[in-house]
Amino acid sequence: PSLYLIKYDGFDCVYGLELHKDER
């Protein structure tokens, strides 16, 4: 549940990020 799938504007890959945990 920490991992989210995101579609960023202008980028056609789907990204997987732990939005609330990733220090970046």
PDB file of all heavy atoms in Angstrom:
ATOM      1  N   PRO A   1       0.786  -1.233   0.000  1.00  0.00           N
ATOM      2  CA  PRO A   1       0.000   0.000   0.000  1.00  0.00           C
ATOM      3  C   PRO A   1       0.821   1.288   0.000  1.00  0.00           C
ATOM      4  O   PRO A   1       0.292   2.360  -0.285  1.00  0.00           O
ATOM      5  CB  PRO A   1      -0.832  -0.119   1.287  1.00  0.00           C
ATOM      6  CG  PRO A   1      -0.890  -1.591   1.566  1.00  0.00           C
ATOM      7  CD  PRO A   1       0.431  -2.117   1.128  1.00  0.00           C
ATOM      8  N   SER A   2       2.103   1.196   0.315  1.00  0.00           N
ATOM      9  CA  SER A   2       2.960   2.380   0.245  1.00  0.00           C
ATOM     10  C   SER A   2       3.284   2.770  -1.195  1.00  0.00           C
ATOM     11  O   SER A   2       3.701   3.895  -1.462  1.00  0.00           O
ATOM     12  CB  SER A   2       4.278   2.131   0.992  1.00  0.00           C
ATOM     13  OG  SER A   2       4.059   1.913   2.367  1.00  0.00           O
ATOM     14  N   LEU A   3       3.091   1.825  -2.108  1.00  0.00           N
ATOM     15  CA  LEU A   3       3.489   2.015  -3.500  1.00  0.00           C
ATOM     16  C   LEU A   3       2.317   2.509  -4.347  1.00  0.00           C
ATOM     17  O   LEU A   3       1.236   1.930  -4.328  1.00  0.00           O
ATOM     18  CB  LEU A   3       4.008   0.689  -4.068  1.00  0.00           C
ATOM     19  CG  LEU A   3       4.527   0.704  -5.502  1.00  0.00           C
ATOM     20  CD1 LEU A   3       5.789   1.560  -5.615  1.00  0.00           C
ATOM     21  CD2 LEU A   3       4.812  -0.721  -5.975  1.00  0.00           C
ATOM     22  N   TYR A   4       2.561   3.576  -5.089  1.00  0.00           N
ATOM     23  CA  TYR A   4       1.544   4.142  -5.981  1.00  0.00           C
ATOM     24  C   TYR A   4       2.027   4.069  -7.425  1.00  0.00           C
ATOM     25  O   TYR A   4       3.223   4.189  -7.704  1.00  0.00           O
ATOM     26  CB  TYR A   4       1.272   5.608  -5.627  1.00  0.00           C
ATOM     27  CG  TYR A   4       0.611   5.811  -4.281  1.00  0.00           C
ATOM     28  CD1 TYR A   4       1.377   5.920  -3.122  1.00  0.00           C
ATOM     29  CD2 TYR A   4      -0.776   5.881  -4.167  1.00  0.00           C
ATOM     30  CE1 TYR A   4       0.775   6.104  -1.886  1.00  0.00           C
ATOM     31  CE2 TYR A   4      -1.381   6.060  -2.930  1.00  0.00           C
ATOM     32  CZ  TYR A   4      -0.604   6.171  -1.789  1.00  0.00           C
ATOM     33  OH  TYR A   4      -1.202   6.355  -0.567  1.00  0.00           O
ATOM     34  N   LEU A   5       1.076   3.897  -8.338  1.00  0.00           N
ATOM     35  CA  LEU A   5       1.367   3.968  -9.763  1.00  0.00           C
ATOM     36  C   LEU A   5       0.964   5.349 -10.245  1.00  0.00           C
ATOM     37  O   LEU A   5      -0.159   5.802  -9.995  1.00  0.00           O
ATOM     38  CB  LEU A   5       0.612   2.887 -10.534  1.00  0.00           C
ATOM     39  CG  LEU A   5       0.872   1.441 -10.102  1.00  0.00           C
ATOM     40  CD1 LEU A   5       0.170   0.470 -11.047  1.00  0.00           C
ATOM     41  CD2 LEU A   5       2.366   1.132 -10.032  1.00  0.00           C
ATOM     42  N   ILE A   6       1.876   6.026 -10.946  1.00  0.00           N
ATOM     43  CA  ILE A   6       1.660   7.411 -11.348  1.00  0.00           C
ATOM     44  C   ILE A   6       1.946   7.594 -12.824  1.00  0.00           C
ATOM     45  O   ILE A   6       2.904   7.027 -13.357  1.00  0.00           O
ATOM     46  CB  ILE A   6       2.580   8.366 -10.548  1.00  0.00           C
ATOM     47  CG1 ILE A   6       2.446   8.120  -9.042  1.00  0.00           C
ATOM     48  CG2 ILE A   6       2.257   9.827 -10.859  1.00  0.00           C
ATOM     49  CD1 ILE A   6       3.692   7.592  -8.413  1.00  0.00           C
ATOM     50  N   LYS A   7       1.103   8.381 -13.481  1.00  0.00           N
ATOM     51  CA  LYS A   7       1.356   8.822 -14.861  1.00  0.00           C
ATOM     52  C   LYS A   7       1.746  10.298 -14.790  1.00  0.00           C
ATOM     53  O   LYS A   7       0.931  11.160 -14.489  1.00  0.00           O
ATOM     54  CB  LYS A   7       0.095   8.648 -15.711  1.00  0.00           C
ATOM     55  CG  LYS A   7       0.109   9.390 -17.060  1.00  0.00           C
ATOM     56  CD  LYS A   7       1.082   8.791 -18.023  1.00  0.00           C
ATOM     57  CE  LYS A   7       0.907   9.387 -19.436  1.00  0.00           C
ATOM     58  NZ  LYS A   7       1.203  10.845 -19.484  1.00  0.00           N
ATOM     59  N   TYR A   8       3.026  10.575 -15.024  1.00  0.00           N
ATOM     60  CA  TYR A   8       3.507  11.948 -14.989  1.00  0.00           C
ATOM     61  C   TYR A   8       3.283  12.637 -16.329  1.00  0.00           C
ATOM     62  O   TYR A   8       3.381  12.009 -17.393  1.00  0.00           O
ATOM     63  CB  TYR A   8       4.987  11.984 -14.611  1.00  0.00           C
ATOM     64  CG  TYR A   8       5.232  11.691 -13.147  1.00  0.00           C
ATOM     65  CD1 TYR A   8       5.720  10.459 -12.736  1.00  0.00           C
ATOM     66  CD2 TYR A   8       4.953  12.646 -12.176  1.00  0.00           C
ATOM     67  CE1 TYR A   8       5.928  10.179 -11.395  1.00  0.00           C
ATOM     68  CE2 TYR A   8       5.146  12.377 -10.829  1.00  0.00           C
ATOM     69  CZ  TYR A   8       5.635  11.147 -10.449  1.00  0.00           C
ATOM     70  OH  TYR A   8       5.833  10.875  -9.113  1.00  0.00           O
ATOM     71  N   ASP A   9       2.972  13.914 -16.273  1.00  0.00           N
ATOM     72  CA  ASP A   9       2.691  14.683 -17.478  1.00  0.00           C
ATOM     73  C   ASP A   9       3.905  14.667 -18.414  1.00  0.00           C
ATOM     74  O   ASP A   9       5.036  14.937 -17.998  1.00  0.00           O
ATOM     75  CB  ASP A   9       2.358  16.133 -17.129  1.00  0.00           C
ATOM     76  CG  ASP A   9       1.112  16.255 -16.259  1.00  0.00           C
ATOM     77  OD1 ASP A   9       0.437  15.237 -16.039  1.00  0.00           O
ATOM     78  OD2 ASP A   9       0.827  17.392 -15.811  1.00  0.00           O
ATOM     79  N   GLY A  10       3.663  14.371 -19.690  1.00  0.00           N
ATOM     80  CA  GLY A  10       4.724  14.382 -20.675  1.00  0.00           C
ATOM     81  C   GLY A  10       5.567  13.129 -20.721  1.00  0.00           C
ATOM     82  O   GLY A  10       6.492  13.038 -21.522  1.00  0.00           O
ATOM     83  N   PHE A  11       5.281  12.174 -19.841  1.00  0.00           N
ATOM     84  CA  PHE A  11       6.023  10.922 -19.799  1.00  0.00           C
ATOM     85  C   PHE A  11       5.042   9.767 -19.920  1.00  0.00           C
ATOM     86  O   PHE A  11       4.063   9.704 -19.183  1.00  0.00           O
ATOM     87  CB  PHE A  11       6.821  10.804 -18.496  1.00  0.00           C
ATOM     88  CG  PHE A  11       7.912  11.817 -18.376  1.00  0.00           C
ATOM     89  CD1 PHE A  11       7.631  13.104 -17.941  1.00  0.00           C
ATOM     90  CD2 PHE A  11       9.212  11.503 -18.718  1.00  0.00           C
ATOM     91  CE1 PHE A  11       8.628  14.058 -17.838  1.00  0.00           C
ATOM     92  CE2 PHE A  11      10.219  12.452 -18.619  1.00  0.00           C
ATOM     93  CZ  PHE A  11       9.930  13.735 -18.179  1.00  0.00           C
ATOM     94  N   ASP A  12       5.295   8.864 -20.839  1.00  0.00           N
ATOM     95  CA  ASP A  12       4.311   7.832 -21.154  1.00  0.00           C
ATOM     96  C   ASP A  12       4.547   6.509 -20.438  1.00  0.00           C
ATOM     97  O   ASP A  12       3.769   5.575 -20.607  1.00  0.00           O
ATOM     98  CB  ASP A  12       4.258   7.609 -22.670  1.00  0.00           C
ATOM     99  CG  ASP A  12       3.700   8.833 -23.386  1.00  0.00           C
ATOM    100  OD1 ASP A  12       2.852   9.533 -22.802  1.00  0.00           O
ATOM    101  OD2 ASP A  12       4.126   9.101 -24.506  1.00  0.00           O
ATOM    102  N   CYS A  13       5.616   6.409 -19.652  1.00  0.00           N
ATOM    103  CA  CYS A  13       5.772   5.250 -18.783  1.00  0.00           C
ATOM    104  C   CYS A  13       4.912   5.432 -17.536  1.00  0.00           C
ATOM    105  O   CYS A  13       4.606   6.550 -17.140  1.00  0.00           O
ATOM    106  CB  CYS A  13       7.218   5.090 -18.338  1.00  0.00           C
ATOM    107  SG  CYS A  13       8.308   4.466 -19.597  1.00  0.00           S
ATOM    108  N   VAL A  14       4.558   4.322 -16.940  1.00  0.00           N
ATOM    109  CA  VAL A  14       3.908   4.345 -15.630  1.00  0.00           C
ATOM    110  C   VAL A  14       5.007   4.142 -14.588  1.00  0.00           C
ATOM    111  O   VAL A  14       5.847   3.251 -14.732  1.00  0.00           O
ATOM    112  CB  VAL A  14       2.858   3.227 -15.513  1.00  0.00           C
ATOM    113  CG1 VAL A  14       2.261   3.185 -14.115  1.00  0.00           C
ATOM    114  CG2 VAL A  14       1.766   3.430 -16.558  1.00  0.00           C
ATOM    115  N   TYR A  15       4.996   4.969 -13.549  1.00  0.00           N
ATOM    116  CA  TYR A  15       6.022   4.905 -12.531  1.00  0.00           C
ATOM    117  C   TYR A  15       5.461   4.350 -11.223  1.00  0.00           C
ATOM    118  O   TYR A  15       4.311   4.614 -10.880  1.00  0.00           O
ATOM    119  CB  TYR A  15       6.624   6.290 -12.280  1.00  0.00           C
ATOM    120  CG  TYR A  15       7.394   6.777 -13.481  1.00  0.00           C
ATOM    121  CD1 TYR A  15       6.752   7.451 -14.518  1.00  0.00           C
ATOM    122  CD2 TYR A  15       8.749   6.516 -13.596  1.00  0.00           C
ATOM    123  CE1 TYR A  15       7.451   7.858 -15.641  1.00  0.00           C
ATOM    124  CE2 TYR A  15       9.454   6.926 -14.711  1.00  0.00           C
ATOM    125  CZ  TYR A  15       8.812   7.594 -15.736  1.00  0.00           C
ATOM    126  OH  TYR A  15       9.498   7.986 -16.842  1.00  0.00           O
ATOM    127  N   GLY A  16       6.305   3.628 -10.497  1.00  0.00           N
ATOM    128  CA  GLY A  16       5.938   3.108  -9.192  1.00  0.00           C
ATOM    129  C   GLY A  16       6.793   3.766  -8.123  1.00  0.00           C
ATOM    130  O   GLY A  16       8.019   3.574  -8.109  1.00  0.00           O
ATOM    131  N   LEU A  17       6.176   4.547  -7.247  1.00  0.00           N
ATOM    132  CA  LEU A  17       6.914   5.250  -6.201  1.00  0.00           C
ATOM    133  C   LEU A  17       6.190   5.149  -4.862  1.00  0.00           C
ATOM    134  O   LEU A  17       4.954   5.190  -4.821  1.00  0.00           O
ATOM    135  CB  LEU A  17       7.072   6.735  -6.551  1.00  0.00           C
ATOM    136  CG  LEU A  17       8.074   7.087  -7.651  1.00  0.00           C
ATOM    137  CD1 LEU A  17       7.951   8.556  -8.006  1.00  0.00           C
ATOM    138  CD2 LEU A  17       9.495   6.756  -7.214  1.00  0.00           C
ATOM    139  N   GLU A  18       6.949   5.035  -3.808  1.00  0.00           N
ATOM    140  CA  GLU A  18       6.396   5.131  -2.460  1.00  0.00           C
ATOM    141  C   GLU A  18       6.383   6.614  -2.099  1.00  0.00           C
ATOM    142  O   GLU A  18       7.314   7.133  -1.487  1.00  0.00           O
ATOM    143  CB  GLU A  18       7.225   4.296  -1.489  1.00  0.00           C
ATOM    144  CG  GLU A  18       7.148   2.798  -1.792  1.00  0.00           C
ATOM    145  CD  GLU A  18       7.816   1.951  -0.720  1.00  0.00           C
ATOM    146  OE1 GLU A  18       8.670   2.475   0.016  1.00  0.00           O
ATOM    147  OE2 GLU A  18       7.461   0.759  -0.605  1.00  0.00           O
ATOM    148  N   LEU A  19       5.325   7.291  -2.503  1.00  0.00           N
ATOM    149  CA  LEU A  19       5.277   8.752  -2.462  1.00  0.00           C
ATOM    150  C   LEU A  19       5.485   9.326  -1.070  1.00  0.00           C
ATOM    151  O   LEU A  19       6.040  10.415  -0.912  1.00  0.00           O
ATOM    152  CB  LEU A  19       3.945   9.245  -3.029  1.00  0.00           C
ATOM    153  CG  LEU A  19       3.753   9.080  -4.537  1.00  0.00           C
ATOM    154  CD1 LEU A  19       2.322   9.430  -4.930  1.00  0.00           C
ATOM    155  CD2 LEU A  19       4.744   9.941  -5.310  1.00  0.00           C
ATOM    156  N   HIS A  20       5.020   8.616  -0.034  1.00  0.00           N
ATOM    157  CA  HIS A  20       5.125   9.132   1.329  1.00  0.00           C
ATOM    158  C   HIS A  20       6.387   8.669   2.054  1.00  0.00           C
ATOM    159  O   HIS A  20       6.630   9.089   3.191  1.00  0.00           O
ATOM    160  CB  HIS A  20       3.896   8.711   2.148  1.00  0.00           C
ATOM    161  CG  HIS A  20       2.606   9.232   1.597  1.00  0.00           C
ATOM    162  ND1 HIS A  20       2.378  10.566   1.356  1.00  0.00           N
ATOM    163  CD2 HIS A  20       1.463   8.589   1.239  1.00  0.00           C
ATOM    164  CE1 HIS A  20       1.151  10.731   0.884  1.00  0.00           C
ATOM    165  NE2 HIS A  20       0.588   9.538   0.795  1.00  0.00           N
ATOM    166  N   LYS A  21       7.177   7.807   1.421  1.00  0.00           N
ATOM    167  CA  LYS A  21       8.373   7.276   2.070  1.00  0.00           C
ATOM    168  C   LYS A  21       9.665   7.622   1.337  1.00  0.00           C
ATOM    169  O   LYS A  21      10.728   7.683   1.955  1.00  0.00           O
ATOM    170  CB  LYS A  21       8.272   5.747   2.196  1.00  0.00           C
ATOM    171  CG  LYS A  21       7.237   5.257   3.185  1.00  0.00           C
ATOM    172  CD  LYS A  21       7.330   3.744   3.316  1.00  0.00           C
ATOM    173  CE  LYS A  21       6.372   3.222   4.386  1.00  0.00           C
ATOM    174  NZ  LYS A  21       6.499   1.752   4.541  1.00  0.00           N
ATOM    175  N   ASP A  22       9.579   7.806   0.036  1.00  0.00           N
ATOM    176  CA  ASP A  22      10.774   8.019  -0.767  1.00  0.00           C
ATOM    177  C   ASP A  22      11.375   9.393  -0.459  1.00  0.00           C
ATOM    178  O   ASP A  22      10.735  10.421  -0.645  1.00  0.00           O
ATOM    179  CB  ASP A  22      10.424   7.917  -2.252  1.00  0.00           C
ATOM    180  CG  ASP A  22      11.642   7.695  -3.126  1.00  0.00           C
ATOM    181  OD1 ASP A  22      12.663   8.381  -2.898  1.00  0.00           O
ATOM    182  OD2 ASP A  22      11.570   6.857  -4.036  1.00  0.00           O
ATOM    183  N   GLU A  23      12.619   9.406   0.004  1.00  0.00           N
ATOM    184  CA  GLU A  23      13.269  10.656   0.385  1.00  0.00           C
ATOM    185  C   GLU A  23      13.511  11.576  -0.802  1.00  0.00           C
ATOM    186  O   GLU A  23      13.744  12.774  -0.631  1.00  0.00           O
ATOM    187  CB  GLU A  23      14.601  10.353   1.094  1.00  0.00           C
ATOM    188  CG  GLU A  23      14.414   9.693   2.450  1.00  0.00           C
ATOM    189  CD  GLU A  23      15.744   9.459   3.142  1.00  0.00           C
ATOM    190  OE1 GLU A  23      16.792   9.503   2.447  1.00  0.00           O
ATOM    191  OE2 GLU A  23      15.745   9.242   4.363  1.00  0.00           O
ATOM    192  N   ARG A  24      13.464  11.022  -2.008  1.00  0.00           N
ATOM    193  CA  ARG A  24      13.662  11.857  -3.197  1.00  0.00           C
ATOM    194  C   ARG A  24      12.409  12.640  -3.558  1.00  0.00           C
ATOM    195  O   ARG A  24      12.462  13.584  -4.345  1.00  0.00           O
ATOM    196  CB  ARG A  24      14.097  10.969  -4.374  1.00  0.00           C
ATOM    197  CG  ARG A  24      15.429  10.273  -4.127  1.00  0.00           C
ATOM    198  CD  ARG A  24      15.658   9.146  -5.115  1.00  0.00           C
ATOM    199  NE  ARG A  24      14.678   8.075  -4.963  1.00  0.00           N
ATOM    200  CZ  ARG A  24      14.692   6.949  -5.664  1.00  0.00           C
ATOM    201  NH1 ARG A  24      15.660   6.737  -6.554  1.00  0.00           N
ATOM    202  NH2 ARG A  24      13.776   6.022  -5.471  1.00  0.00           N
TER     203      ARG A  24
END
